[in-house]
Amino acid sequence: MRIQNFGQNIFWILFMMFSANALATPPQEHHFISGGGISCFQPAKRSPGDHIDFLVELQNICGFLDAYQVKEQADPEFGGMIEDEYRTGPDRIVQTDNTQEAIFVWSRFHELTGDDSFDQNVDDAWTYCLNHPAWLEEGSGEYYRVWNCGWGLRCAMKYESVYGDDSHAGYAAVCAQYIMDHADDLPFEASPPNVGVRNALTLSWSAWNLNEYADFVSNDTFRLGAEDFAGRIKLWLESDPENINKTGWALSGGISAACVLDVLFPDDPESAAAWRDSQLVDLNEYYDPAGYGTDAWVLAWDSWQSLAQNALWRTTGDFRHRRVSFEQSDYIRSFDTDSDGGIPPNPLKPDTEDETWVSTYVILMGFADLTEPPDLRFAMDSTNILPGDPLNTYIQIYGPGLDEMVDLYILLEIGSQFLFYPAFTGEPAMIVLDIKLDFDLAEWVGLSDWVPILSIPEWPHGVPPATYSWWGGLIRHGTAQLLGDVIRLDWTTH
């Protein structure tokens, strides 16, 4: 009974001192330095109120890929992807990498929507890949086959996880072993130098996929191989600060950053942030098309930079990187000016010269992780409160996922009591949030970064010491389904 009365007294203090003005003063904004290096080009960004329907965008890209898949069964390239929309006759280019990319995108569409409209495309694409496997692809040197095997792993993993069909597991296993056996055929120091850059970026891509595949099949040999390759990439990046923004063939330095972060720092946000701050300060967000000829694959390079931002988000937990990735993806998608789902390789190209492979890049590099649950966090200026100290509590919610209504529950625990924000009573209460793509609570309420939810100028004297806990959770609206984790932040008064 004494605990209950004590809780009531405390919450009367909190209720009386908590006013509507608590949300009026945002904390100081944190600025993360980015850009620099080769280019500080910054295209116009969409306004916070703009909203892009991701599923419509994805369906448009899937339709574009369908239009340029070889459909004649008697054709020796049946099921393969034609590389671009302006060469579809005898001059067409059909390759395994483009086809594997399409398998990934069509499978991802089925995974998100349950729509089987493109399942036959997937089956036909596998027919092509089995007839023209990644490890036998044409191209000078080993880089092209190693590159193709990276895509072989990516599409095979996605296919099996979506359809529950392991019939292409053997294909993936050969791809993984090929990467292991031929990584040493890609020297970073080569002549001319751009060949060495291309090799480093290619190995970055394949090691990034090999690492995930090692987890997928629980293979320590492949995992150690991926870590060894990522270590080489890390040394290469650190040897020259300009390497992070170099481009080679269809790749840019963003894939090397993603490889190092996701392979070497997957569960170590402090080390990931430290490496970012020491090595990635000059990481470009965009490549200025004015600095290259119209034949340069600028939008493809931008896609890899988006992948780097997503890797930074995954490994550091910093929401700002996810927002940058969405801005980059929005920018790339904006060049589908004829709304056919296709994207050209360069902003200076006409909309009649879209490429299937560039169109697939924006899905994997920018939009692929949209089923991640909204992220909820608490923060306090101090968790040890003395009489006379200010008490400031903030909340941060970032929703990278698809549109949905979400119920936010915030509770404050003392002793055996749980009281619901904002009235601090035992009556269950929630705040309904309409989480759109790229939702940020601070932006939603007109603030920046963290949103203050409880501010007390001075903790009162004479209140017995106690330990409190903030609890928070996000529930899918109208259900009992938890999104993400229940979070907790303990704090003590003295």
Protein backbone atom coordinates (compact mmCIF):
# COMPACT_ATOMS: atom_id res chain seq x y z
CA MET A 1 0.00 0.00 0.00
CA ARG A 2 2.85 2.37 0.81
CA ILE A 3 4.41 1.70 -2.62
CA GLN A 4 1.12 2.42 -4.32
CA ASN A 5 0.70 5.74 -2.47
CA PHE A 6 4.30 6.64 -3.24
CA GLY A 7 3.67 5.97 -6.93
CA GLN A 8 0.58 8.13 -6.88
CA ASN A 9 2.51 10.99 -5.27
CA ILE A 10 5.31 10.78 -7.79
CA PHE A 11 2.97 10.77 -10.72
CA TRP A 12 1.01 13.70 -9.31
CA ILE A 13 4.35 15.57 -9.30
CA LEU A 14 5.07 14.48 -12.85
CA PHE A 15 1.59 15.30 -14.07
CA MET A 16 1.60 18.77 -12.51
CA MET A 17 5.07 19.62 -13.84
CA PHE A 18 4.55 18.18 -17.33
CA SER A 19 2.92 20.78 -19.53
CA ALA A 20 2.01 21.16 -23.17
CA ASN A 21 5.14 23.27 -23.56
CA ALA A 22 7.27 20.17 -23.11
CA LEU A 23 7.12 19.52 -26.86
CA ALA A 24 7.87 23.10 -27.81
CA THR A 25 11.67 23.12 -27.63
CA PRO A 26 13.52 20.55 -29.69
CA PRO A 27 17.00 19.43 -28.62
CA GLN A 28 20.00 20.67 -30.54
CA GLU A 29 20.20 19.09 -33.98
CA HIS A 30 23.07 16.73 -34.63
CA HIS A 31 24.89 17.34 -37.90
CA PHE A 32 26.65 14.47 -39.66
CA ILE A 33 29.23 15.55 -42.21
CA SER A 34 28.90 13.84 -45.57
CA GLY A 35 29.76 14.59 -49.17
CA GLY A 36 33.18 15.92 -50.14
CA GLY A 37 35.71 13.81 -51.97
CA ILE A 38 35.29 13.82 -55.72
CA SER A 39 31.91 15.51 -55.75
CA CYS A 40 29.67 17.54 -53.45
CA PHE A 41 26.85 17.37 -55.99
CA GLN A 42 23.46 17.53 -54.24
CA PRO A 43 20.32 17.20 -56.38
CA ALA A 44 17.00 18.63 -55.28
CA LYS A 45 15.30 16.44 -52.70
CA ARG A 46 11.62 15.74 -52.36
CA SER A 47 9.80 17.71 -49.69
CA PRO A 48 8.91 15.97 -46.40
CA GLY A 49 5.24 15.87 -47.39
CA ASP A 50 5.84 14.04 -50.66
CA HIS A 51 5.07 10.35 -50.62
CA ILE A 52 6.16 7.69 -53.06
CA ASP A 53 4.18 4.47 -53.19
CA PHE A 54 6.94 1.90 -53.09
CA LEU A 55 4.81 -1.02 -54.23
CA VAL A 56 3.67 0.88 -57.33
CA GLU A 57 7.29 1.71 -58.09
CA LEU A 58 8.33 -1.90 -57.62
CA GLN A 59 5.49 -3.21 -59.78
CA ASN A 60 6.42 -0.77 -62.55
CA ILE A 61 10.01 -2.03 -62.52
CA CYS A 62 8.80 -5.63 -62.58
CA GLY A 63 6.65 -4.82 -65.60
CA PHE A 64 9.57 -3.18 -67.37
CA LEU A 65 11.69 -6.28 -66.80
CA ASP A 66 8.88 -8.47 -68.11
CA ALA A 67 8.77 -6.44 -71.34
CA TYR A 68 12.45 -7.13 -72.03
CA GLN A 69 12.69 -10.80 -71.13
CA VAL A 70 13.26 -13.14 -74.09
CA LYS A 71 9.93 -14.97 -74.50
CA GLU A 72 10.39 -17.28 -77.49
CA GLN A 73 11.02 -20.78 -76.16
CA ALA A 74 12.94 -21.80 -79.29
CA ASP A 75 15.36 -18.91 -78.77
CA PRO A 76 18.69 -20.13 -77.31
CA GLU A 77 18.52 -17.12 -74.95
CA PHE A 78 14.99 -17.92 -73.79
CA GLY A 79 14.28 -16.47 -70.32
CA GLY A 80 17.23 -14.11 -70.39
CA MET A 81 17.06 -10.38 -69.77
CA ILE A 82 17.76 -7.99 -72.63
CA GLU A 83 20.09 -5.34 -71.28
CA ASP A 84 18.35 -2.22 -72.58
CA GLU A 85 15.22 -1.05 -74.35
CA TYR A 86 16.84 0.39 -77.45
CA ARG A 87 18.68 -2.72 -78.65
CA THR A 88 16.18 -5.51 -78.98
CA GLY A 89 17.00 -6.91 -82.42
CA PRO A 90 20.16 -8.67 -83.62
CA ASP A 91 22.23 -6.15 -81.64
CA ARG A 92 20.60 -7.05 -78.32
CA ILE A 93 22.70 -7.97 -75.30
CA VAL A 94 21.46 -10.79 -73.03
CA GLN A 95 23.57 -11.76 -70.03
CA THR A 96 23.33 -13.83 -66.87
CA ASP A 97 23.94 -10.97 -64.44
CA ASN A 98 20.95 -8.99 -65.75
CA THR A 99 18.82 -12.15 -65.57
CA GLN A 100 19.82 -12.97 -62.00
CA GLU A 101 19.07 -9.39 -60.99
CA ALA A 102 15.57 -9.77 -62.42
CA ILE A 103 15.03 -13.00 -60.46
CA PHE A 104 15.82 -11.11 -57.28
CA VAL A 105 13.41 -8.27 -58.08
CA TRP A 106 10.50 -10.46 -59.20
CA SER A 107 10.97 -12.70 -56.14
CA ARG A 108 11.04 -9.67 -53.86
CA PHE A 109 7.78 -8.44 -55.38
CA HIS A 110 6.13 -11.80 -54.65
CA GLU A 111 7.53 -11.73 -51.13
CA LEU A 112 6.08 -8.30 -50.35
CA THR A 113 2.73 -8.66 -52.06
CA GLY A 114 1.91 -12.37 -52.45
CA ASP A 115 1.16 -11.54 -56.09
CA ASP A 116 2.26 -14.35 -58.43
CA SER A 117 2.04 -12.27 -61.63
CA PHE A 118 5.77 -12.59 -62.30
CA ASP A 119 6.37 -16.13 -61.04
CA GLN A 120 6.55 -17.53 -64.59
CA ASN A 121 9.15 -14.88 -65.39
CA VAL A 122 11.20 -16.20 -62.48
CA ASP A 123 10.98 -19.79 -63.73
CA ASP A 124 11.94 -18.77 -67.26
CA ALA A 125 14.86 -16.72 -65.98
CA TRP A 126 16.17 -19.74 -64.12
CA THR A 127 16.00 -21.69 -67.37
CA TYR A 128 18.37 -19.16 -68.92
CA CYS A 129 20.71 -19.17 -65.91
CA LEU A 130 20.98 -22.94 -65.88
CA ASN A 131 21.85 -22.88 -69.57
CA HIS A 132 24.28 -19.97 -69.08
CA PRO A 133 25.53 -20.29 -65.48
CA ALA A 134 27.29 -17.44 -63.73
CA TRP A 135 30.66 -19.21 -63.48
CA LEU A 136 30.79 -19.75 -67.26
CA GLU A 137 29.80 -16.23 -68.27
CA GLU A 138 31.79 -14.47 -70.94
CA GLY A 139 33.99 -11.47 -70.31
CA SER A 140 37.65 -10.66 -70.15
CA GLY A 141 39.48 -11.88 -67.07
CA GLU A 142 37.90 -13.40 -64.01
CA TYR A 143 36.17 -10.27 -62.68
CA TYR A 144 32.99 -10.80 -64.73
CA ARG A 145 32.45 -14.36 -63.56
CA VAL A 146 33.16 -13.47 -59.92
CA TRP A 147 30.70 -10.59 -60.27
CA ASN A 148 28.09 -12.88 -61.80
CA CYS A 149 28.55 -15.42 -59.01
CA GLY A 150 27.82 -12.70 -56.47
CA TRP A 151 24.47 -12.14 -58.18
CA GLY A 152 23.96 -15.89 -58.35
CA LEU A 153 24.13 -16.06 -54.55
CA ARG A 154 21.87 -13.06 -54.14
CA CYS A 155 19.08 -14.32 -56.38
CA ALA A 156 19.26 -17.93 -55.22
CA MET A 157 18.96 -16.94 -51.56
CA LYS A 158 16.00 -14.70 -52.26
CA TYR A 159 14.30 -17.31 -54.44
CA GLU A 160 14.62 -20.07 -51.85
CA SER A 161 13.48 -17.87 -48.96
CA VAL A 162 10.42 -16.63 -50.89
CA TYR A 163 9.23 -19.80 -52.58
CA GLY A 164 10.54 -22.42 -50.15
CA ASP A 165 12.16 -24.20 -53.10
CA ASP A 166 15.78 -25.31 -52.69
CA SER A 167 16.11 -26.73 -56.21
CA HIS A 168 18.72 -24.06 -57.04
CA ALA A 169 20.77 -24.56 -53.90
CA GLY A 170 23.38 -26.40 -55.95
CA TYR A 171 23.69 -23.43 -58.31
CA ALA A 172 24.38 -21.16 -55.34
CA ALA A 173 26.93 -23.56 -53.88
CA VAL A 174 28.94 -23.56 -57.12
CA CYS A 175 28.81 -19.74 -57.21
CA ALA A 176 30.13 -19.54 -53.65
CA GLN A 177 32.99 -21.90 -54.31
CA TYR A 178 33.89 -20.06 -57.51
CA ILE A 179 34.25 -16.81 -55.56
CA MET A 180 36.44 -18.58 -52.99
CA ASP A 181 38.64 -20.10 -55.69
CA HIS A 182 39.07 -17.02 -57.86
CA ALA A 183 39.27 -14.06 -55.49
CA ASP A 184 43.05 -14.08 -55.84
CA ASP A 185 42.65 -13.59 -59.59
CA LEU A 186 41.51 -10.01 -58.88
CA PRO A 187 44.62 -8.01 -57.88
CA PHE A 188 43.96 -4.51 -56.56
CA GLU A 189 47.26 -3.31 -57.97
CA ALA A 190 46.89 -3.81 -61.69
CA SER A 191 47.74 -2.08 -64.93
CA PRO A 192 46.09 0.10 -65.93
CA PRO A 193 45.09 1.29 -62.41
CA ASN A 194 41.37 1.36 -63.23
CA VAL A 195 41.50 -2.43 -63.62
CA GLY A 196 42.71 -2.72 -60.03
CA VAL A 197 39.85 -0.48 -58.85
CA ARG A 198 37.35 -2.57 -60.80
CA ASN A 199 38.77 -5.72 -59.21
CA ALA A 200 38.51 -4.29 -55.69
CA LEU A 201 34.91 -3.21 -56.21
CA THR A 202 33.98 -6.55 -57.80
CA LEU A 203 35.44 -8.52 -54.91
CA SER A 204 33.60 -6.20 -52.49
CA TRP A 205 30.30 -7.14 -54.12
CA SER A 206 30.99 -10.86 -54.15
CA ALA A 207 32.34 -10.92 -50.58
CA TRP A 208 29.26 -9.02 -49.38
CA ASN A 209 27.02 -11.70 -50.86
CA LEU A 210 29.27 -14.57 -49.82
CA ASN A 211 29.05 -13.44 -46.20
CA GLU A 212 25.25 -13.49 -46.23
CA TYR A 213 25.26 -16.83 -48.03
CA ALA A 214 27.56 -18.27 -45.36
CA ASP A 215 24.93 -17.42 -42.77
CA PHE A 216 22.17 -18.73 -45.03
CA VAL A 217 23.76 -22.20 -45.25
CA SER A 218 25.72 -22.10 -41.94
CA ASN A 219 29.10 -22.54 -43.61
CA ASP A 220 32.07 -21.32 -41.58
CA THR A 221 34.51 -21.75 -44.46
CA PHE A 222 32.58 -19.33 -46.63
CA ARG A 223 32.17 -16.95 -43.67
CA LEU A 224 35.90 -16.87 -42.98
CA GLY A 225 36.55 -16.36 -46.68
CA ALA A 226 34.17 -13.41 -46.79
CA GLU A 227 35.80 -11.90 -43.71
CA ASP A 228 39.25 -12.31 -45.25
CA PHE A 229 38.13 -10.61 -48.47
CA ALA A 230 36.43 -7.80 -46.51
CA GLY A 231 39.65 -7.31 -44.54
CA ARG A 232 41.54 -6.83 -47.79
CA ILE A 233 38.93 -4.32 -48.93
CA LYS A 234 39.21 -2.43 -45.65
CA LEU A 235 42.98 -2.12 -46.06
CA TRP A 236 42.52 -0.97 -49.66
CA LEU A 237 40.08 1.75 -48.62
CA GLU A 238 42.31 2.91 -45.78
CA SER A 239 45.38 3.03 -48.03
CA ASP A 240 44.01 5.95 -50.05
CA PRO A 241 41.13 8.22 -48.92
CA GLU A 242 40.12 8.70 -52.55
CA ASN A 243 39.38 5.00 -53.02
CA ILE A 244 35.97 5.30 -51.35
CA ASN A 245 34.66 7.45 -54.21
CA LYS A 246 36.37 5.74 -57.13
CA THR A 247 34.34 4.03 -59.81
CA GLY A 248 35.11 1.01 -61.89
CA TRP A 249 32.90 -0.39 -64.64
CA ALA A 250 29.32 -0.45 -63.24
CA LEU A 251 30.40 -0.17 -59.60
CA SER A 252 31.43 2.58 -57.20
CA GLY A 253 33.10 2.75 -53.81
CA GLY A 254 29.81 2.46 -51.95
CA ILE A 255 29.89 -1.32 -52.36
CA SER A 256 33.29 -1.46 -50.65
CA ALA A 257 31.97 0.56 -47.72
CA ALA A 258 28.94 -1.75 -47.48
CA CYS A 259 31.15 -4.84 -47.60
CA VAL A 260 33.39 -3.69 -44.76
CA LEU A 261 30.50 -2.54 -42.58
CA ASP A 262 28.18 -5.52 -43.05
CA VAL A 263 30.87 -8.20 -42.98
CA LEU A 264 33.24 -6.87 -40.30
CA PHE A 265 30.95 -4.80 -38.04
CA PRO A 266 27.52 -6.48 -38.19
CA ASP A 267 26.92 -6.46 -34.41
CA ASP A 268 29.28 -3.71 -33.27
CA PRO A 269 27.65 -0.28 -33.75
CA GLU A 270 30.36 1.56 -31.86
CA SER A 271 33.14 0.19 -34.07
CA ALA A 272 31.04 0.75 -37.19
CA ALA A 273 30.46 4.39 -36.22
CA ALA A 274 34.13 4.87 -35.38
CA TRP A 275 35.21 3.47 -38.74
CA ARG A 276 32.64 5.66 -40.47
CA ASP A 277 33.95 8.75 -38.71
CA SER A 278 37.57 7.96 -39.56
CA GLN A 279 37.20 6.60 -43.09
CA LEU A 280 33.87 7.62 -44.64
CA VAL A 281 33.64 11.34 -43.94
CA ASP A 282 34.19 12.05 -47.65
CA LEU A 283 31.83 9.35 -48.93
CA ASN A 284 29.94 10.82 -51.87
CA GLU A 285 26.17 10.66 -51.84
CA TYR A 286 25.94 11.39 -55.58
CA TYR A 287 28.15 11.64 -58.65
CA ASP A 288 27.73 14.86 -60.57
CA PRO A 289 26.63 13.94 -64.11
CA ALA A 290 28.18 17.15 -65.40
CA GLY A 291 31.60 15.78 -64.50
CA TYR A 292 31.30 12.75 -66.77
CA GLY A 293 30.33 12.01 -70.33
CA THR A 294 26.83 10.87 -71.25
CA ASP A 295 28.10 7.30 -71.55
CA ALA A 296 29.12 7.15 -67.87
CA TRP A 297 26.87 4.96 -65.70
CA VAL A 298 26.30 7.67 -63.12
CA LEU A 299 22.95 6.45 -61.78
CA ALA A 300 24.34 2.94 -61.31
CA TRP A 301 27.20 4.42 -59.27
CA ASP A 302 24.68 6.38 -57.20
CA SER A 303 22.87 3.12 -56.42
CA TRP A 304 25.98 1.69 -54.77
CA GLN A 305 26.29 4.84 -52.67
CA SER A 306 22.73 4.20 -51.53
CA LEU A 307 23.74 0.67 -50.53
CA ALA A 308 26.54 2.16 -48.43
CA GLN A 309 24.05 4.39 -46.62
CA ASN A 310 21.83 1.38 -45.94
CA ALA A 311 24.83 -0.51 -44.55
CA LEU A 312 25.62 2.45 -42.32
CA TRP A 313 22.03 2.42 -41.09
CA ARG A 314 22.14 -1.33 -40.40
CA THR A 315 25.46 -1.29 -38.57
CA THR A 316 25.37 2.03 -36.68
CA GLY A 317 21.62 2.28 -36.10
CA ASP A 318 21.74 5.91 -37.23
CA PHE A 319 18.41 6.81 -38.86
CA ARG A 320 19.91 9.63 -40.88
CA HIS A 321 21.68 7.17 -43.16
CA ARG A 322 18.39 5.46 -44.00
CA ARG A 323 16.88 8.82 -44.88
CA VAL A 324 19.81 9.62 -47.17
CA SER A 325 19.34 6.26 -48.88
CA PHE A 326 15.69 7.01 -49.54
CA GLU A 327 16.61 10.41 -50.96
CA GLN A 328 19.17 8.78 -53.23
CA SER A 329 16.65 6.16 -54.35
CA ASP A 330 14.01 8.83 -54.98
CA TYR A 331 16.50 10.74 -57.10
CA ILE A 332 17.40 7.69 -59.19
CA ARG A 333 13.75 6.71 -59.67
CA SER A 334 12.88 10.26 -60.75
CA PHE A 335 14.55 9.57 -64.11
CA ASP A 336 11.77 7.21 -65.09
CA THR A 337 10.26 10.19 -66.86
CA ASP A 338 8.04 8.12 -69.17
CA SER A 339 6.67 6.02 -66.26
CA ASP A 340 7.51 2.69 -67.89
CA GLY A 341 9.48 1.46 -64.89
CA GLY A 342 12.83 1.75 -66.66
CA ILE A 343 15.74 3.94 -65.60
CA PRO A 344 18.60 5.15 -67.83
CA PRO A 345 22.20 4.80 -66.71
CA ASN A 346 22.84 8.55 -66.88
CA PRO A 347 20.60 11.55 -66.12
CA LEU A 348 21.64 13.04 -69.46
CA LYS A 349 20.28 10.06 -71.41
CA PRO A 350 16.79 10.21 -72.98
CA ASP A 351 13.96 8.13 -71.53
CA THR A 352 14.12 5.92 -74.62
CA GLU A 353 17.46 4.48 -73.45
CA ASP A 354 16.50 2.83 -70.17
CA GLU A 355 18.50 -0.16 -68.94
CA THR A 356 17.05 -3.20 -67.20
CA TRP A 357 20.06 -3.61 -64.92
CA VAL A 358 20.02 -0.02 -63.67
CA SER A 359 16.33 -0.45 -62.92
CA THR A 360 17.02 -3.50 -60.77
CA TYR A 361 19.84 -1.82 -58.85
CA VAL A 362 17.56 0.69 -57.14
CA ILE A 363 15.54 -2.15 -55.61
CA LEU A 364 18.41 -4.05 -53.98
CA MET A 365 20.57 -1.04 -53.15
CA GLY A 366 17.84 1.34 -52.07
CA PHE A 367 14.45 -0.21 -51.38
CA ALA A 368 14.99 -3.89 -50.61
CA ASP A 369 14.84 -3.73 -46.80
CA LEU A 370 11.43 -2.13 -46.42
CA THR A 371 9.97 -4.84 -44.20
CA GLU A 372 12.22 -3.75 -41.36
CA PRO A 373 9.96 -2.78 -38.44
CA PRO A 374 9.78 0.80 -37.20
CA ASP A 375 12.58 1.58 -34.79
CA LEU A 376 11.71 3.02 -31.35
CA ARG A 377 14.23 4.50 -28.92
CA PHE A 378 14.32 6.46 -25.67
CA ALA A 379 17.02 8.87 -24.51
CA MET A 380 17.57 10.98 -21.41
CA ASP A 381 20.08 13.75 -20.78
CA SER A 382 20.93 11.87 -17.59
CA THR A 383 19.64 8.68 -16.02
CA ASN A 384 20.84 9.67 -12.54
CA ILE A 385 18.69 12.51 -11.27
CA LEU A 386 19.56 14.53 -8.15
CA PRO A 387 17.24 17.01 -6.43
CA GLY A 388 17.26 20.23 -8.42
CA ASP A 389 18.46 18.49 -11.62
CA PRO A 390 16.48 18.84 -14.81
CA LEU A 391 14.82 15.72 -16.16
CA ASN A 392 14.49 15.46 -19.92
CA THR A 393 13.24 12.40 -21.76
CA TYR A 394 13.09 12.06 -25.54
CA ILE A 395 11.71 9.54 -27.98
CA GLN A 396 12.71 8.73 -31.53
CA ILE A 397 10.71 6.66 -34.02
CA TYR A 398 11.81 5.98 -37.55
CA GLY A 399 9.75 3.81 -39.87
CA PRO A 400 11.66 2.46 -42.86
CA GLY A 401 8.91 0.04 -43.81
CA LEU A 402 5.74 -0.06 -45.84
CA ASP A 403 2.71 2.06 -44.96
CA GLU A 404 0.71 1.04 -41.93
CA MET A 405 -1.11 2.37 -38.89
CA VAL A 406 0.80 1.78 -35.67
CA ASP A 407 -0.20 2.16 -32.02
CA LEU A 408 2.53 3.64 -29.83
CA TYR A 409 2.45 2.68 -26.15
CA ILE A 410 4.68 4.50 -23.62
CA LEU A 411 4.64 3.45 -19.97
CA LEU A 412 6.50 4.54 -16.87
CA GLU A 413 7.17 1.86 -14.28
CA ILE A 414 7.74 2.44 -10.57
CA GLY A 415 7.65 -0.41 -8.12
CA SER A 416 4.91 -2.71 -9.35
CA GLN A 417 2.96 0.02 -11.10
CA PHE A 418 2.78 0.70 -14.83
CA LEU A 419 1.26 4.02 -15.81
CA PHE A 420 0.47 5.05 -19.35
CA TYR A 421 1.70 8.17 -21.09
CA PRO A 422 0.51 10.90 -21.45
CA ALA A 423 -1.85 11.05 -18.44
CA PHE A 424 0.30 8.80 -16.23
CA THR A 425 -2.62 6.71 -15.03
CA GLY A 426 -3.24 3.00 -15.02
CA GLU A 427 -5.78 3.34 -17.80
CA PRO A 428 -4.31 1.92 -21.05
CA ALA A 429 -3.63 4.67 -23.58
CA MET A 430 -1.98 4.74 -26.98
CA ILE A 431 -0.95 7.20 -29.66
CA VAL A 432 -1.94 6.22 -33.20
CA LEU A 433 0.72 6.93 -35.82
CA ASP A 434 0.20 6.83 -39.57
CA ILE A 435 3.64 5.54 -40.58
CA LYS A 436 4.41 6.29 -44.20
CA LEU A 437 7.48 5.25 -46.10
CA ASP A 438 10.46 7.04 -44.55
CA PHE A 439 8.37 8.10 -41.51
CA ASP A 440 10.17 10.13 -38.86
CA LEU A 441 8.28 11.10 -35.71
CA ALA A 442 10.29 14.29 -35.25
CA GLU A 443 9.57 15.44 -38.78
CA TRP A 444 5.92 14.45 -38.33
CA VAL A 445 5.48 16.78 -35.33
CA GLY A 446 7.59 19.56 -36.81
CA LEU A 447 10.80 19.02 -34.84
CA SER A 448 14.22 17.61 -35.63
CA ASP A 449 15.85 14.40 -34.50
CA TRP A 450 14.61 13.51 -30.97
CA VAL A 451 11.15 14.48 -29.70
CA PRO A 452 10.93 15.50 -26.02
CA ILE A 453 8.11 13.70 -24.19
CA LEU A 454 8.76 14.73 -20.60
CA SER A 455 10.64 17.80 -19.36
CA ILE A 456 10.85 18.79 -15.69
CA PRO A 457 13.04 21.87 -14.99
CA GLU A 458 14.01 20.73 -11.47
CA TRP A 459 13.49 17.40 -9.77
CA PRO A 460 11.80 18.23 -6.46
CA HIS A 461 13.56 17.94 -3.09
CA GLY A 462 12.15 15.58 -0.50
CA VAL A 463 11.10 12.84 -2.91
CA PRO A 464 12.37 9.43 -1.74
CA PRO A 465 15.01 7.83 -4.02
CA ALA A 466 13.62 5.37 -6.51
CA THR A 467 14.34 3.53 -9.74
CA TYR A 468 12.01 4.10 -12.68
CA SER A 469 11.78 2.52 -16.11
CA TRP A 470 10.46 3.86 -19.38
CA TRP A 471 8.86 1.17 -21.51
CA GLY A 472 7.82 1.54 -25.11
CA GLY A 473 6.33 -0.63 -27.81
CA LEU A 474 4.75 -0.40 -31.25
CA ILE A 475 1.72 -2.53 -32.05
CA ARG A 476 0.15 -2.95 -35.48
CA HIS A 477 -3.08 -0.97 -35.28
CA GLY A 478 -6.14 -3.00 -34.39
CA THR A 479 -4.13 -6.13 -33.61
CA ALA A 480 -1.94 -7.51 -30.85
CA GLN A 481 1.07 -7.87 -33.17
CA LEU A 482 4.26 -6.33 -31.83
CA LEU A 483 6.43 -4.51 -34.38
CA GLY A 484 10.08 -4.67 -33.46
CA ASP A 485 11.17 -4.99 -29.85
CA VAL A 486 9.76 -3.72 -26.58
CA ILE A 487 12.33 -1.22 -25.35
CA ARG A 488 13.25 -0.17 -21.82
CA LEU A 489 15.29 2.65 -20.30
CA ASP A 490 16.00 2.66 -16.55
CA TRP A 491 16.64 5.84 -14.56
CA THR A 492 17.22 6.59 -10.89
CA THR A 493 16.47 9.51 -8.59
CA HIS A 494 18.53 10.25 -5.49
